[in-house]
């Protein structure tokens, strides 16, 4: 796998660190942030290849960040994968309606994260 730039956004330090470690272990460059506002801004300036985004966060939740990212010409083609504890069918449908490519439910496995990296 060639080096990819990955934006990881989660307000949980544990999840942020875990996903960051998984992604770095695959040789990717990681940009980490803990809220949707920063994720939106960093996506515009850093142009990541993929975004792993939590839903429940302060300032701007993941759904709103996803909507803004998919509506912005600079970021609309970046695949967004939600990594969240929200795992009801309605959450998955809503995630897709916001523009996300997929949703990984917490607790997630290392292989689920790696699989999404390999798809881009």
Protein backbone atom coordinates (compact mmCIF):
# COMPACT_ATOMS: atom_id res chain seq x y z
CA UNK A 1 0.00 0.00 0.00
CA UNK A 2 1.39 3.41 -0.92
CA UNK A 3 1.54 6.10 1.75
CA UNK A 4 -1.83 7.72 2.13
CA UNK A 5 -2.81 10.81 4.07
CA UNK A 6 -5.56 9.99 6.57
CA UNK A 7 -7.62 12.37 8.70
CA UNK A 8 -8.83 10.81 11.95
CA UNK A 9 -11.37 12.70 14.04
CA UNK A 10 -12.68 11.47 17.40
CA UNK A 11 -13.18 13.25 20.72
CA UNK A 12 -12.26 10.04 22.58
CA UNK A 13 -8.50 10.11 23.17
CA UNK A 14 -8.49 6.30 23.34
CA UNK A 15 -10.24 5.81 20.01
CA UNK A 16 -8.25 8.59 18.36
CA UNK A 17 -4.99 6.99 19.49
CA UNK A 18 -6.08 3.46 18.53
CA UNK A 19 -7.16 4.41 15.02
CA UNK A 20 -4.08 6.59 14.57
CA UNK A 21 -1.83 3.67 15.57
CA UNK A 22 -3.62 1.27 13.20
CA UNK A 23 -3.36 3.70 10.29
CA UNK A 24 0.28 4.61 10.99
CA UNK A 25 1.06 0.89 11.19
CA UNK A 26 -0.09 0.67 7.57
CA UNK A 27 2.41 3.34 6.55
CA UNK A 28 -0.05 6.21 6.32
CA UNK A 29 0.44 9.83 7.30
CA UNK A 30 -2.11 10.77 9.99
CA UNK A 31 -3.72 14.09 10.72
CA UNK A 32 -5.60 13.86 14.03
CA UNK A 33 -8.28 16.10 15.46
CA UNK A 34 -10.99 15.88 18.10
CA UNK A 35 -13.97 17.82 16.75
CA UNK A 36 -15.93 18.32 13.55
CA UNK A 37 -14.97 21.96 13.08
CA UNK A 38 -11.26 21.12 13.08
CA UNK A 39 -11.88 18.09 10.86
CA UNK A 40 -13.62 20.27 8.27
CA UNK A 41 -10.84 22.88 8.35
CA UNK A 42 -8.01 20.34 8.24
CA UNK A 43 -9.64 18.43 5.40
CA UNK A 44 -9.69 21.65 3.36
CA UNK A 45 -6.03 22.47 4.03
CA UNK A 46 -4.50 18.96 4.14
CA UNK A 47 -6.52 17.17 1.39
CA UNK A 48 -6.49 13.70 2.99
CA UNK A 49 -7.17 10.56 0.94
CA UNK A 50 -9.77 9.32 3.45
CA UNK A 51 -11.44 10.54 6.65
CA UNK A 52 -12.37 8.40 9.68
CA UNK A 53 -14.98 10.46 11.53
CA UNK A 54 -16.78 9.98 14.84
CA UNK A 55 -20.40 11.16 15.09
CA UNK A 56 -20.87 12.37 18.66
CA UNK A 57 -18.39 15.22 19.23
CA UNK A 58 -18.33 18.77 20.63
CA UNK A 59 -18.67 21.93 18.52
CA UNK A 60 -19.80 20.21 15.32
CA UNK A 61 -20.96 16.60 15.26
CA UNK A 62 -19.79 14.15 12.61
CA UNK A 63 -23.02 14.25 10.61
CA UNK A 64 -22.79 18.03 10.20
CA UNK A 65 -19.08 17.84 9.39
CA UNK A 66 -19.81 15.16 6.78
CA UNK A 67 -22.51 17.30 5.16
CA UNK A 68 -20.17 20.29 4.99
CA UNK A 69 -17.31 18.18 3.62
CA UNK A 70 -19.43 16.59 0.89
CA UNK A 71 -20.85 19.98 -0.15
CA UNK A 72 -17.49 21.74 -0.37
CA UNK A 73 -15.81 21.59 -3.81
CA UNK A 74 -12.35 21.06 -2.23
CA UNK A 75 -13.41 18.09 -0.09
CA UNK A 76 -16.47 16.55 -1.75
CA UNK A 77 -14.56 13.61 -3.26
CA UNK A 78 -12.79 12.51 -0.07
CA UNK A 79 -14.30 9.23 1.20
CA UNK A 80 -15.70 9.57 4.72
CA UNK A 81 -16.03 6.54 6.99
CA UNK A 82 -17.90 7.02 10.24
CA UNK A 83 -16.43 5.17 13.23
CA UNK A 84 -19.12 5.45 15.86
CA UNK A 85 -21.10 3.80 18.62
CA UNK A 86 -24.27 4.78 16.72
CA UNK A 87 -25.06 1.49 14.98
CA UNK A 88 -28.79 1.37 14.39
CA UNK A 89 -30.09 0.88 10.86
CA UNK A 90 -31.38 4.48 10.93
CA UNK A 91 -27.85 5.71 11.81
CA UNK A 92 -26.38 3.85 8.81
CA UNK A 93 -29.03 5.23 6.47
CA UNK A 94 -28.58 8.76 7.85
CA UNK A 95 -24.79 8.46 7.49
CA UNK A 96 -25.18 7.57 3.81
CA UNK A 97 -27.66 10.42 3.32
CA UNK A 98 -25.02 12.82 4.69
CA UNK A 99 -22.53 11.57 2.09
CA UNK A 100 -20.51 8.99 4.03
CA UNK A 101 -19.17 5.97 2.16
CA UNK A 102 -19.59 3.62 5.13
CA UNK A 103 -20.00 3.26 8.88
CA UNK A 104 -17.87 1.11 11.18
CA UNK A 105 -19.46 0.42 14.55
CA UNK A 106 -17.52 0.69 17.80
CA UNK A 107 -16.00 -1.46 19.07
CA UNK A 108 -14.18 -1.84 15.77
CA UNK A 109 -11.41 -4.22 14.78
CA UNK A 110 -8.04 -3.39 13.31
CA UNK A 111 -8.99 -5.34 10.18
CA UNK A 112 -12.11 -3.18 9.61
CA UNK A 113 -9.99 0.00 9.57
CA UNK A 114 -7.34 -1.56 7.33
CA UNK A 115 -10.00 -2.84 4.92
CA UNK A 116 -11.28 0.72 4.40
CA UNK A 117 -7.74 1.98 3.81
CA UNK A 118 -7.24 -0.66 1.14
CA UNK A 119 -10.45 0.34 -0.66
CA UNK A 120 -9.18 3.82 -1.51
